[in-house]
Amino acid sequence: MEKIAVLGSGSWGTALAVLLGNKGLPVHIWGRPEDEVSKIRQVRENRRFLPGVPLPAVVEPTEDLAGALAGARVVVISVPSQAVREIMVRIKPLLNPGVVLVNTAKGLEVSTRLRMSQVVAEVLGEEILQHYAVLSGPSHAEEVGRGMPTAVVAASYNKETAFLIQDMFMAEVFRVYTNPDVAGVELGGALKNIFALGSGIAEGLGFGDNPKAALITRGLTEMTRMGAAMGGQKFTFSGLSGLGDLVVTCSSLHSRNRRAGILIGQGKSLQETLEEIGMVVEGVTTTRVAYGMAHQLNVAMPITSAAYQILFCNKDPMEAVWGLMRRKRKHEIEEVVRNTEGWK
């Protein structure tokens, strides 16, 4: 029973610590003083981010980063995507040889437009990627912490690393699949947040189920298109980190991105929205990055473009919706048309 370090004491880091602790695995969960770690340790519950979920006895909350990492065989990175580089710099001199890193951040770095594995490799060196995995999929912390059945995917360039993480996290209530497509799994987890924002905006405008279904379906098309252009495999986006995460994030009230979109659709500014949510809304930064990448790679992403215009250019959300609806007519699936006699 080798020690596991979870870096990040937010809702997801706490839920994963609880999951692993319930399996009897010794876990040190690290957080900053402002995350009220001392209170978590005292009351044995993260009442700020995951109320009502008690910590197993084998889970030890700490503010001591070096202490959390000492002797750890596996390190779970559960901080916002824009903080991953900073954390990698801090832990670099503290990591044990052969340590396995598991990233759970779902985003793209704004300043570099890099995926999280690329950020990790820049700081720790390319060799770390043989001991790196990304854990992603439709998995709200509020449900995982309470033991609700959940399925996710662990992706790694090294199959032994993927199997190790699969075995470590697999539980009766938590099913883990494996996938060698690190880029696709990372991109699916990041890009879906754009469309969760869009889904929320549509809801905030008072629209019903039809536009949500259209947004999810066409959002998956944009995710797959952009993901393939950035190095992912198309099939991956039909899986848990693509379609699965897209559906749950666009539909659930646990989703910060959806809740943020609802507030924006109701007329609140981006700043007002972020202040009211009170936690990181990954879709905001991901929209900025994906919009730039779409222009750089010449990838059509009309929903992403509309979201960018709403978030960063003060475009009226209703006007953005009608702009999407009035686009010139197109085929639904170009590959089907190309393969159909008489349609070419």
Protein backbone atom coordinates (compact mmCIF):
# COMPACT_ATOMS: atom_id res chain seq x y z
CA MET A 1 0.00 0.00 0.00
CA GLU A 2 2.26 2.74 -1.29
CA LYS A 3 1.56 6.34 -0.34
CA ILE A 4 -0.35 8.57 -2.73
CA ALA A 5 -0.11 12.37 -2.76
CA VAL A 6 -3.07 14.41 -4.03
CA LEU A 7 -2.09 17.99 -4.80
CA GLY A 8 -5.14 20.25 -4.64
CA SER A 9 -7.76 20.24 -1.90
CA GLY A 10 -10.68 21.47 -3.99
CA SER A 11 -13.78 19.41 -4.68
CA TRP A 12 -12.18 17.01 -7.17
CA GLY A 13 -8.94 16.47 -5.25
CA THR A 14 -10.98 15.78 -2.14
CA ALA A 15 -13.32 13.37 -3.95
CA LEU A 16 -10.37 11.40 -5.34
CA ALA A 17 -8.71 11.30 -1.93
CA VAL A 18 -11.96 9.91 -0.48
CA LEU A 19 -12.23 7.34 -3.29
CA LEU A 20 -8.67 6.12 -2.74
CA GLY A 21 -8.98 6.29 1.04
CA ASN A 22 -12.11 4.14 0.95
CA LYS A 23 -9.97 1.47 -0.73
CA GLY A 24 -7.61 1.62 2.25
CA LEU A 25 -4.83 3.40 0.36
CA PRO A 26 -2.82 5.94 2.40
CA VAL A 27 -3.35 9.42 0.94
CA HIS A 28 -1.84 12.80 1.79
CA ILE A 29 -3.95 15.60 0.32
CA TRP A 30 -2.13 18.93 0.04
CA GLY A 31 -3.66 22.37 -0.15
CA ARG A 32 -2.72 25.98 0.42
CA PRO A 33 -3.50 27.66 3.76
CA GLU A 34 -6.26 29.72 2.10
CA ASP A 35 -8.01 26.44 1.25
CA GLU A 36 -8.66 25.96 4.98
CA VAL A 37 -6.67 22.73 5.16
CA SER A 38 -6.29 22.99 8.93
CA LYS A 39 -10.08 23.06 9.27
CA ILE A 40 -10.42 20.07 6.94
CA ARG A 41 -7.94 18.18 9.11
CA GLN A 42 -9.79 19.16 12.26
CA VAL A 43 -13.36 18.32 11.22
CA ARG A 44 -12.41 15.50 8.77
CA GLU A 45 -14.54 17.03 6.04
CA ASN A 46 -14.04 19.61 3.27
CA ARG A 47 -17.06 21.70 4.18
CA ARG A 48 -16.14 24.44 1.71
CA PHE A 49 -15.81 22.38 -1.47
CA LEU A 50 -17.32 18.96 -0.73
CA PRO A 51 -19.66 19.25 2.25
CA GLY A 52 -21.25 16.16 3.74
CA VAL A 53 -18.49 13.76 2.64
CA PRO A 54 -16.33 12.52 5.55
CA LEU A 55 -12.64 11.79 4.99
CA PRO A 56 -11.52 8.19 5.58
CA ALA A 57 -9.05 7.74 8.44
CA VAL A 58 -6.17 7.00 6.02
CA VAL A 59 -6.51 10.43 4.33
CA GLU A 60 -4.23 13.08 5.83
CA PRO A 61 -4.81 16.75 4.85
CA THR A 62 -1.63 18.83 4.98
CA GLU A 63 -0.18 22.23 4.04
CA ASP A 64 3.34 20.75 3.90
CA LEU A 65 4.10 20.11 0.23
CA ALA A 66 7.40 18.36 0.86
CA GLY A 67 5.80 16.19 3.50
CA ALA A 68 2.94 15.24 1.19
CA LEU A 69 5.39 14.16 -1.52
CA ALA A 70 7.87 12.36 0.74
CA GLY A 71 7.74 8.66 -0.11
CA ALA A 72 4.84 9.07 -2.56
CA ARG A 73 4.77 6.52 -5.40
CA VAL A 74 1.91 8.27 -7.21
CA VAL A 75 1.19 12.02 -7.31
CA VAL A 76 -2.26 13.18 -8.40
CA ILE A 77 -2.35 16.73 -9.82
CA SER A 78 -5.76 18.21 -9.04
CA VAL A 79 -5.26 21.96 -9.41
CA PRO A 80 -6.71 24.36 -12.03
CA SER A 81 -5.02 24.08 -15.42
CA GLN A 82 -3.44 27.54 -15.21
CA ALA A 83 -1.69 26.51 -11.97
CA VAL A 84 -0.19 23.25 -13.28
CA ARG A 85 3.11 24.81 -14.46
CA GLU A 86 3.64 26.57 -11.13
CA ILE A 87 3.02 23.34 -9.22
CA MET A 88 5.37 21.39 -11.50
CA VAL A 89 8.14 23.91 -10.84
CA ARG A 90 7.57 23.65 -7.09
CA ILE A 91 7.54 19.86 -6.93
CA LYS A 92 10.37 19.16 -9.39
CA PRO A 93 13.11 18.97 -6.72
CA LEU A 94 10.83 17.02 -4.36
CA LEU A 95 9.74 14.12 -6.58
CA ASN A 96 10.95 10.57 -5.95
CA PRO A 97 12.68 8.70 -8.82
CA GLY A 98 10.16 6.78 -10.92
CA VAL A 99 7.17 8.61 -9.48
CA VAL A 100 3.94 8.36 -11.48
CA LEU A 101 2.03 11.59 -12.19
CA VAL A 102 -1.74 11.55 -12.69
CA ASN A 103 -3.19 14.77 -14.06
CA THR A 104 -6.87 15.61 -13.62
CA ALA A 105 -6.85 19.28 -14.74
CA LYS A 106 -9.14 19.85 -17.74
CA GLY A 107 -7.84 22.83 -19.65
CA LEU A 108 -5.21 24.35 -21.94
CA GLU A 109 -2.49 26.74 -20.80
CA VAL A 110 -3.42 30.25 -21.97
CA SER A 111 0.09 31.66 -22.43
CA THR A 112 1.41 28.74 -24.52
CA ARG A 113 -1.76 26.97 -25.77
CA LEU A 114 -0.22 23.70 -24.56
CA ARG A 115 -2.00 20.63 -23.26
CA MET A 116 -1.26 19.65 -19.66
CA SER A 117 1.08 16.77 -20.58
CA GLN A 118 3.09 19.19 -22.70
CA VAL A 119 3.34 21.63 -19.79
CA VAL A 120 4.50 18.82 -17.51
CA ALA A 121 7.11 17.67 -20.04
CA GLU A 122 8.45 21.21 -20.48
CA VAL A 123 9.11 21.51 -16.76
CA LEU A 124 10.07 17.95 -15.78
CA GLY A 125 11.53 16.67 -19.06
CA GLU A 126 10.18 14.41 -21.80
CA GLU A 127 11.12 11.24 -19.91
CA ILE A 128 8.35 11.88 -17.37
CA LEU A 129 5.75 11.10 -20.04
CA GLN A 130 6.42 7.35 -19.66
CA HIS A 131 5.21 7.76 -16.07
CA TYR A 132 2.37 10.21 -16.80
CA ALA A 133 -1.35 9.55 -17.06
CA VAL A 134 -4.42 11.72 -17.46
CA LEU A 135 -7.63 10.76 -15.68
CA SER A 136 -10.73 12.21 -17.30
CA GLY A 137 -14.39 11.61 -18.05
CA PRO A 138 -17.91 12.44 -16.81
CA SER A 139 -17.15 12.56 -13.10
CA HIS A 140 -18.56 15.33 -10.93
CA ALA A 141 -16.85 15.42 -7.55
CA GLU A 142 -20.17 15.73 -5.73
CA GLU A 143 -21.21 12.31 -7.03
CA VAL A 144 -17.85 10.52 -6.87
CA GLY A 145 -17.40 11.62 -3.25
CA ARG A 146 -20.76 10.05 -2.38
CA GLY A 147 -20.00 6.77 -4.11
CA MET A 148 -22.30 7.10 -7.12
CA PRO A 149 -21.42 4.80 -10.06
CA THR A 150 -18.97 6.57 -12.37
CA ALA A 151 -16.90 5.61 -15.44
CA VAL A 152 -13.72 7.42 -16.51
CA VAL A 153 -10.68 6.86 -18.72
CA ALA A 154 -6.98 6.76 -17.86
CA ALA A 155 -4.74 7.65 -20.80
CA SER A 156 -0.98 7.21 -20.95
CA TYR A 157 1.75 6.83 -23.57
CA ASN A 158 2.93 3.78 -21.58
CA LYS A 159 0.46 0.93 -21.19
CA GLU A 160 1.98 -0.22 -17.89
CA THR A 161 1.40 3.24 -16.45
CA ALA A 162 -2.18 3.19 -17.72
CA PHE A 163 -2.76 -0.25 -16.14
CA LEU A 164 -1.22 0.88 -12.85
CA ILE A 165 -3.59 3.86 -12.61
CA GLN A 166 -6.52 1.75 -13.76
CA ASP A 167 -5.91 -0.74 -10.95
CA MET A 168 -5.25 1.95 -8.35
CA PHE A 169 -8.47 3.91 -8.98
CA MET A 170 -10.79 1.08 -9.99
CA ALA A 171 -13.48 0.48 -7.38
CA GLU A 172 -16.94 -1.03 -7.20
CA VAL A 173 -18.40 2.45 -7.79
CA PHE A 174 -15.62 3.79 -10.03
CA ARG A 175 -14.89 2.04 -13.34
CA VAL A 176 -11.69 2.99 -15.17
CA TYR A 177 -11.00 2.29 -18.86
CA THR A 178 -7.62 2.80 -20.57
CA ASN A 179 -6.63 4.62 -23.75
CA PRO A 180 -3.22 5.33 -25.36
CA ASP A 181 -4.48 8.63 -26.86
CA VAL A 182 -3.23 11.15 -24.28
CA ALA A 183 -3.79 14.12 -26.60
CA GLY A 184 -7.36 13.14 -27.40
CA VAL A 185 -8.33 12.50 -23.78
CA GLU A 186 -6.77 15.77 -22.63
CA LEU A 187 -8.43 17.75 -25.42
CA GLY A 188 -11.84 16.17 -24.88
CA GLY A 189 -11.74 17.08 -21.20
CA ALA A 190 -10.72 20.65 -22.00
CA LEU A 191 -12.81 21.53 -25.06
CA LYS A 192 -16.15 20.24 -23.73
CA ASN A 193 -16.20 23.11 -21.20
CA ILE A 194 -16.71 25.59 -24.04
CA PHE A 195 -19.98 23.94 -24.99
CA ALA A 196 -21.08 23.60 -21.38
CA LEU A 197 -20.82 27.39 -21.19
CA GLY A 198 -22.85 27.61 -24.39
CA SER A 199 -25.45 25.22 -23.02
CA GLY A 200 -25.81 27.34 -19.93
CA ILE A 201 -26.10 30.54 -21.96
CA ALA A 202 -28.93 29.00 -24.00
CA GLU A 203 -30.66 27.99 -20.78
CA GLY A 204 -30.17 31.44 -19.30
CA LEU A 205 -31.82 32.92 -22.38
CA GLY A 206 -34.89 30.79 -21.67
CA PHE A 207 -34.42 28.18 -24.40
CA GLY A 208 -35.42 24.53 -23.94
CA ASP A 209 -34.19 21.08 -24.85
CA ASN A 210 -33.97 21.42 -28.63
CA PRO A 211 -31.14 23.97 -28.67
CA LYS A 212 -29.27 22.04 -25.96
CA ALA A 213 -29.38 18.86 -28.05
CA ALA A 214 -28.22 20.79 -31.11
CA LEU A 215 -25.41 22.41 -29.14
CA ILE A 216 -24.19 19.10 -27.70
CA THR A 217 -24.25 17.41 -31.11
CA ARG A 218 -22.60 20.20 -33.05
CA GLY A 219 -20.25 20.84 -30.13
CA LEU A 220 -19.04 17.25 -30.44
CA THR A 221 -18.37 17.93 -34.13
CA GLU A 222 -16.26 20.97 -33.23
CA MET A 223 -14.43 19.05 -30.48
CA THR A 224 -13.59 16.22 -32.84
CA ARG A 225 -12.52 18.57 -35.62
CA MET A 226 -10.24 20.64 -33.39
CA GLY A 227 -9.04 17.65 -31.40
CA ALA A 228 -7.90 15.83 -34.52
CA ALA A 229 -6.14 18.97 -35.77
CA MET A 230 -4.27 19.16 -32.43
CA GLY A 231 -3.11 15.55 -32.47
CA GLY A 232 -5.98 13.53 -30.98
CA GLN A 233 -7.63 10.45 -32.49
CA LYS A 234 -11.18 11.06 -33.78
CA PHE A 235 -12.59 7.94 -32.10
CA THR A 236 -11.50 9.18 -28.67
CA PHE A 237 -14.01 12.03 -28.84
CA SER A 238 -16.85 9.51 -29.00
CA GLY A 239 -15.67 8.13 -25.67
CA LEU A 240 -15.87 9.09 -22.01
CA SER A 241 -13.57 12.11 -22.17
CA GLY A 242 -15.35 13.42 -25.26
CA LEU A 243 -19.04 12.69 -25.64
CA GLY A 244 -19.44 11.42 -22.08
CA ASP A 245 -17.96 14.48 -20.42
CA LEU A 246 -19.70 16.77 -22.90
CA VAL A 247 -23.16 15.39 -22.07
CA VAL A 248 -22.75 15.53 -18.30
CA THR A 249 -21.15 18.98 -18.27
CA CYS A 250 -23.83 20.47 -20.50
CA SER A 251 -26.64 18.92 -18.47
CA SER A 252 -25.71 18.92 -14.79
CA LEU A 253 -26.19 21.65 -12.20
CA HIS A 254 -22.94 20.40 -10.64
CA SER A 255 -21.19 21.92 -13.69
CA ARG A 256 -19.60 25.29 -12.93
CA ASN A 257 -19.33 25.97 -16.65
CA ARG A 258 -23.03 25.41 -17.22
CA ARG A 259 -23.92 27.51 -14.17
CA ALA A 260 -21.63 30.29 -15.40
CA GLY A 261 -23.30 30.18 -18.81
CA ILE A 262 -26.75 30.46 -17.24
CA LEU A 263 -25.70 33.63 -15.39
CA ILE A 264 -24.25 35.14 -18.58
CA GLY A 265 -27.40 34.25 -20.52
CA GLN A 266 -29.40 36.02 -17.82
CA GLY A 267 -27.44 39.21 -18.44
CA LYS A 268 -24.55 39.14 -15.96
CA SER A 269 -21.09 40.21 -17.04
CA LEU A 270 -18.21 37.73 -17.12
CA GLN A 271 -16.66 39.33 -14.05
CA GLU A 272 -19.92 39.23 -12.10
CA THR A 273 -20.40 35.62 -13.12
CA LEU A 274 -16.94 34.48 -11.99
CA GLU A 275 -17.37 36.25 -8.67
CA GLU A 276 -20.72 34.56 -8.08
CA ILE A 277 -19.46 31.08 -8.99
CA GLY A 278 -16.51 31.55 -6.64
CA MET A 279 -14.40 28.76 -8.21
CA VAL A 280 -12.37 28.33 -11.39
CA VAL A 281 -14.49 28.12 -14.56
CA GLU A 282 -12.12 26.31 -16.93
CA GLY A 283 -14.29 26.92 -20.00
CA VAL A 284 -13.52 30.64 -19.97
CA THR A 285 -9.78 30.24 -20.52
CA THR A 286 -10.30 27.25 -22.82
CA THR A 287 -12.59 29.33 -25.05
CA ARG A 288 -9.86 31.94 -25.39
CA VAL A 289 -7.23 29.34 -26.30
CA ALA A 290 -9.45 27.33 -28.67
CA TYR A 291 -10.59 30.45 -30.50
CA GLY A 292 -6.96 31.38 -31.19
CA MET A 293 -6.04 27.84 -32.18
CA ALA A 294 -9.01 27.60 -34.56
CA HIS A 295 -7.70 30.61 -36.48
CA GLN A 296 -4.12 29.34 -36.38
CA LEU A 297 -5.06 25.87 -37.67
CA ASN A 298 -7.89 27.06 -39.96
CA VAL A 299 -10.47 24.89 -38.19
CA ALA A 300 -14.14 25.91 -38.38
CA MET A 301 -15.54 26.32 -34.83
CA PRO A 302 -18.64 28.54 -35.09
CA ILE A 303 -20.00 27.77 -31.60
CA THR A 304 -16.60 28.42 -30.03
CA SER A 305 -16.35 31.67 -31.98
CA ALA A 306 -19.78 32.76 -30.76
CA ALA A 307 -18.82 31.92 -27.15
CA TYR A 308 -15.63 33.95 -27.51
CA GLN A 309 -17.54 36.95 -28.84
CA ILE A 310 -19.95 36.77 -25.88
CA LEU A 311 -17.26 36.33 -23.23
CA PHE A 312 -14.58 38.69 -24.45
CA CYS A 313 -16.18 41.08 -26.96
CA ASN A 314 -19.42 41.91 -25.12
CA LYS A 315 -21.58 40.45 -27.86
CA ASP A 316 -25.23 40.10 -26.90
CA PRO A 317 -25.91 36.37 -26.28
CA MET A 318 -29.23 36.42 -28.14
CA GLU A 319 -27.60 38.06 -31.14
CA ALA A 320 -24.89 35.39 -31.09
CA VAL A 321 -27.53 32.62 -31.12
CA TRP A 322 -29.31 34.06 -34.16
CA GLY A 323 -25.96 34.54 -35.84
CA LEU A 324 -25.35 30.80 -35.54
CA MET A 325 -28.83 29.95 -36.80
CA ARG A 326 -28.50 32.20 -39.88
CA ARG A 327 -25.22 30.74 -41.12
CA LYS A 328 -25.28 29.54 -44.73
CA ARG A 329 -26.61 26.04 -45.35
CA LYS A 330 -24.20 23.11 -44.97
CA HIS A 331 -24.08 19.31 -45.00
CA GLU A 332 -24.30 17.69 -41.59
CA ILE A 333 -21.43 15.20 -42.05
CA GLU A 334 -19.04 15.88 -44.93
CA GLU A 335 -17.52 12.37 -44.82
CA VAL A 336 -20.96 10.80 -45.44
CA VAL A 337 -21.57 13.09 -48.41
CA ARG A 338 -18.17 12.26 -49.93
CA ASN A 339 -18.93 8.54 -49.68
CA THR A 340 -22.45 8.72 -51.10
CA GLU A 341 -22.87 8.23 -54.87
CA GLY A 342 -24.73 11.08 -56.53
CA TRP A 343 -23.91 13.61 -53.76
CA LYS A 344 -20.32 14.36 -54.75
